[in-house]
Amino acid sequence: MKKENLPKKIAVFPLSNFIIFPNTTVPLNIFEPRYIEMVNDCMKSDKLLGMIQPKMHKVESQNIPELHKIGCLGKIMDLQKTDDNRYLIELKGLIRFDIISEINSKKNYRECDVSFDKFYDDLEKKEEDLKFSDLELIFRDLRNLFEKRGFIINWKALENQSLDETINALAMASPFTLEEKQVLLETKNLDARKSKIADILKTYTFDNYNNTTIQ
């Protein structure tokens, strides 16, 4: 997508403990009526919607979760309707965005004015200096963390992907907290994201397993 074609207003889908990065694709199960409406409206226009994490606390007067400032715009690449009227969609991450303000609309879902100015690099394919050898320690520790939490990952398949797809897929699937995943989303580039994953893993290594290291 070209930056001049990016929308100024988008529908946003607040989903806790879930992130999508540019150049990654995720499946979503849409079942709430307001989000069925959102998908229907998106399919009638540009097929674009914003994935964003809500913050932990809610606005007391409205019981509406406050949103994080940064999310990722996605495009619906595939949609299937189930027999019980759910939607199974495939969403591809395109570019991160900053929320400028929330729009007061009559829609049942939330909409925001957004800016992409800080994230145009997400639209460009560029060579990274990282190599898979740089990820060996992270892979080892992540594998152990995933296994301890009962997660099953096809590591061989990951190794056949590009580095950005691999790191972003692991960040999305990781058993990290909401805030930790948000930090990963907001990191400037792949190298910074790799370093942040390593930093987060250190806290799990020493704090969450009775002060023992991951072997």
Protein backbone atom coordinates (compact mmCIF):
# COMPACT_ATOMS: atom_id res chain seq x y z
CA MET A 1 0.00 0.00 0.00
CA LYS A 2 1.22 3.52 -0.83
CA LYS A 3 1.30 6.08 1.95
CA GLU A 4 -0.89 8.49 0.00
CA ASN A 5 -3.66 5.86 0.03
CA LEU A 6 -3.66 5.41 3.80
CA PRO A 7 -6.93 6.39 5.51
CA LYS A 8 -7.18 9.21 8.01
CA LYS A 9 -10.04 7.52 9.87
CA ILE A 10 -10.20 3.80 10.71
CA ALA A 11 -12.35 1.34 12.60
CA VAL A 12 -10.42 -0.03 15.58
CA PHE A 13 -10.68 -3.50 17.10
CA PRO A 14 -9.48 -3.46 20.74
CA LEU A 15 -8.22 -6.94 21.57
CA SER A 16 -6.40 -7.55 24.83
CA ASN A 17 -3.01 -9.29 24.85
CA PHE A 18 -2.96 -9.47 21.06
CA ILE A 19 -0.76 -7.67 18.59
CA ILE A 20 -0.23 -7.80 14.87
CA PHE A 21 2.90 -6.48 13.17
CA PRO A 22 3.45 -5.20 9.65
CA ASN A 23 4.16 -7.99 7.14
CA THR A 24 2.59 -10.70 9.30
CA THR A 25 -0.76 -12.43 8.85
CA VAL A 26 -3.04 -13.72 11.59
CA PRO A 27 -6.42 -15.52 11.71
CA LEU A 28 -9.23 -13.93 13.73
CA ASN A 29 -12.55 -15.37 14.89
CA ILE A 30 -15.17 -12.58 14.82
CA PHE A 31 -18.36 -13.33 16.73
CA GLU A 32 -19.52 -10.26 18.68
CA PRO A 33 -22.34 -8.42 16.81
CA ARG A 34 -20.54 -5.05 16.92
CA TYR A 35 -17.44 -6.54 15.32
CA ILE A 36 -19.50 -8.44 12.76
CA GLU A 37 -20.89 -5.00 11.86
CA MET A 38 -17.36 -3.59 11.75
CA VAL A 39 -16.14 -6.31 9.37
CA ASN A 40 -19.19 -5.85 7.15
CA ASP A 41 -18.50 -2.11 6.89
CA CYS A 42 -14.80 -2.68 6.24
CA MET A 43 -15.54 -5.19 3.47
CA LYS A 44 -17.80 -2.61 1.78
CA SER A 45 -14.99 -0.05 1.71
CA ASP A 46 -11.22 -0.61 1.81
CA LYS A 47 -11.06 -3.83 3.91
CA LEU A 48 -8.88 -1.99 6.43
CA LEU A 49 -9.17 -2.00 10.23
CA GLY A 50 -6.89 -1.15 13.11
CA MET A 51 -5.83 -3.68 15.73
CA ILE A 52 -5.06 -2.06 19.08
CA GLN A 53 -4.66 -3.17 22.65
CA PRO A 54 -6.89 -1.77 25.39
CA LYS A 55 -5.24 -0.67 28.60
CA MET A 56 -5.94 -2.64 31.75
CA HIS A 57 -8.20 -0.07 33.41
CA LYS A 58 -11.53 1.20 32.09
CA VAL A 59 -13.11 4.63 31.98
CA GLU A 60 -15.23 4.48 35.12
CA SER A 61 -18.22 6.42 33.84
CA GLN A 62 -18.62 4.44 30.61
CA ASN A 63 -16.98 1.10 31.34
CA ILE A 64 -15.04 1.57 28.09
CA PRO A 65 -11.38 0.53 28.06
CA GLU A 66 -8.86 3.24 27.32
CA LEU A 67 -6.78 2.41 24.26
CA HIS A 68 -3.04 2.32 23.84
CA LYS A 69 -1.73 5.04 21.58
CA ILE A 70 -0.07 2.82 18.97
CA GLY A 71 -1.64 -0.02 16.99
CA CYS A 72 -1.29 -1.66 13.60
CA LEU A 73 -3.45 -1.25 10.51
CA GLY A 74 -4.48 -4.53 8.92
CA LYS A 75 -6.16 -5.54 5.69
CA ILE A 76 -8.72 -8.35 5.49
CA MET A 77 -7.23 -10.77 2.98
CA ASP A 78 -9.78 -13.56 3.35
CA LEU A 79 -13.22 -13.91 4.94
CA GLN A 80 -15.33 -16.99 5.56
CA LYS A 81 -18.74 -17.09 7.19
CA THR A 82 -19.50 -20.05 9.46
CA ASP A 83 -22.81 -21.87 9.87
CA ASP A 84 -23.37 -20.11 13.21
CA ASN A 85 -22.84 -16.66 11.61
CA ARG A 86 -19.31 -16.01 12.82
CA TYR A 87 -16.60 -14.63 10.55
CA LEU A 88 -13.21 -16.25 10.19
CA ILE A 89 -10.91 -13.64 8.70
CA GLU A 90 -7.27 -13.50 7.71
CA LEU A 91 -5.75 -10.14 8.57
CA LYS A 92 -2.44 -8.91 7.17
CA GLY A 93 -0.53 -6.23 9.08
CA LEU A 94 0.44 -3.24 6.93
CA ILE A 95 1.70 -0.30 9.00
CA ARG A 96 1.59 0.93 12.59
CA PHE A 97 -0.39 4.03 13.52
CA ASP A 98 -0.73 6.66 16.22
CA ILE A 99 -4.21 7.48 17.51
CA ILE A 100 -4.86 11.22 17.26
CA SER A 101 -8.37 11.17 18.71
CA GLU A 102 -11.39 8.90 19.03
CA ILE A 103 -14.39 9.75 16.88
CA ASN A 104 -17.78 10.15 18.50
CA SER A 105 -19.89 8.17 16.04
CA LYS A 106 -23.18 6.28 16.11
CA LYS A 107 -21.49 3.03 15.11
CA ASN A 108 -21.53 0.14 17.56
CA TYR A 109 -17.76 -0.19 17.21
CA ARG A 110 -15.04 2.40 17.83
CA GLU A 111 -13.41 4.63 15.21
CA CYS A 112 -10.36 6.87 15.44
CA ASP A 113 -8.54 9.57 13.55
CA VAL A 114 -4.99 8.27 13.12
CA SER A 115 -1.55 9.27 11.86
CA PHE A 116 1.00 7.03 10.13
CA ASP A 117 3.71 9.70 9.91
CA LYS A 118 6.19 7.98 12.27
CA PHE A 119 5.85 4.56 10.66
CA TYR A 120 6.20 4.93 6.89
CA ASP A 121 9.26 2.67 7.05
CA ASP A 122 6.84 -0.21 7.78
CA LEU A 123 5.73 -0.02 4.14
CA GLU A 124 9.23 -0.50 2.77
CA LYS A 125 11.11 -3.74 2.28
CA LYS A 126 14.63 -3.31 3.59
CA GLU A 127 17.57 -5.53 4.40
CA GLU A 128 18.29 -5.99 8.08
CA ASP A 129 21.77 -6.57 9.48
CA LEU A 130 20.55 -9.39 11.72
CA LYS A 131 21.31 -13.03 10.96
CA PHE A 132 19.71 -16.15 12.38
CA SER A 133 22.90 -16.77 14.34
CA ASP A 134 22.07 -13.58 16.25
CA LEU A 135 18.85 -15.20 17.41
CA GLU A 136 20.20 -18.51 18.72
CA LEU A 137 20.10 -17.54 22.41
CA ILE A 138 16.69 -15.91 22.05
CA PHE A 139 15.36 -18.98 20.25
CA ARG A 140 16.69 -21.25 22.98
CA ASP A 141 15.15 -19.23 25.81
CA LEU A 142 11.90 -18.64 23.95
CA ARG A 143 11.58 -22.34 23.17
CA ASN A 144 11.92 -23.17 26.85
CA LEU A 145 9.51 -20.45 27.92
CA PHE A 146 6.94 -21.58 25.34
CA GLU A 147 7.26 -25.21 26.42
CA LYS A 148 6.93 -24.33 30.12
CA ARG A 149 3.70 -22.49 29.30
CA GLY A 150 2.36 -25.36 27.16
CA PHE A 151 2.79 -23.55 23.83
CA ILE A 152 3.68 -25.57 20.75
CA ILE A 153 5.67 -23.80 18.03
CA ASN A 154 6.83 -25.15 14.67
CA TRP A 155 10.39 -23.87 15.00
CA LYS A 156 11.57 -25.37 11.69
CA ALA A 157 8.85 -23.48 9.84
CA LEU A 158 9.89 -20.26 11.56
CA GLU A 159 13.50 -20.73 10.47
CA ASN A 160 12.34 -20.78 6.84
CA GLN A 161 10.72 -17.36 7.15
CA SER A 162 12.39 -13.97 6.87
CA LEU A 163 13.87 -12.59 10.08
CA ASP A 164 11.21 -9.91 10.51
CA GLU A 165 8.43 -12.47 10.05
CA THR A 166 10.11 -14.80 12.56
CA ILE A 167 10.71 -12.22 15.27
CA ASN A 168 7.28 -10.67 14.84
CA ALA A 169 5.54 -14.06 14.84
CA LEU A 170 7.29 -14.99 18.08
CA ALA A 171 6.41 -11.64 19.63
CA MET A 172 2.75 -12.09 18.68
CA ALA A 173 2.54 -15.69 19.93
CA SER A 174 4.62 -15.23 23.07
CA PRO A 175 3.15 -15.67 26.56
CA PHE A 176 4.30 -12.16 27.46
CA THR A 177 2.05 -9.67 29.25
CA LEU A 178 -0.13 -7.07 27.52
CA GLU A 179 2.31 -4.30 28.41
CA GLU A 180 5.33 -6.31 27.24
CA LYS A 181 3.72 -6.99 23.88
CA GLN A 182 2.84 -3.32 23.52
CA VAL A 183 6.49 -2.40 24.12
CA LEU A 184 7.50 -4.80 21.33
CA LEU A 185 4.99 -3.25 18.95
CA GLU A 186 6.29 0.25 19.66
CA THR A 187 9.98 -0.54 19.12
CA LYS A 188 11.44 1.31 16.15
CA ASN A 189 12.94 -1.55 14.13
CA LEU A 190 13.71 -5.25 14.03
CA ASP A 191 17.04 -5.01 15.84
CA ALA A 192 15.46 -3.02 18.68
CA ARG A 193 12.61 -5.54 18.87
CA LYS A 194 15.08 -8.41 19.09
CA SER A 195 16.88 -6.67 21.96
CA LYS A 196 13.59 -5.99 23.77
CA ILE A 197 12.59 -9.66 23.50
CA ALA A 198 15.95 -10.58 25.02
CA ASP A 199 15.42 -8.06 27.85
CA ILE A 200 11.93 -9.39 28.58
CA LEU A 201 13.19 -12.97 28.55
CA LYS A 202 15.73 -12.11 31.24
CA THR A 203 12.93 -11.14 33.61
CA TYR A 204 11.20 -14.47 32.99
CA THR A 205 14.48 -16.34 33.39
CA PHE A 206 15.28 -14.95 36.81
CA ASP A 207 11.92 -13.93 38.27
CA ASN A 208 9.36 -16.48 37.17
CA TYR A 209 11.11 -19.79 37.73
CA ASN A 210 12.17 -19.74 41.37
CA ASN A 211 15.27 -17.75 40.54
CA THR A 212 16.70 -20.47 38.33
CA THR A 213 17.97 -19.96 34.82
CA ILE A 214 16.38 -21.48 31.74
CA GLN A 215 18.47 -24.44 30.65
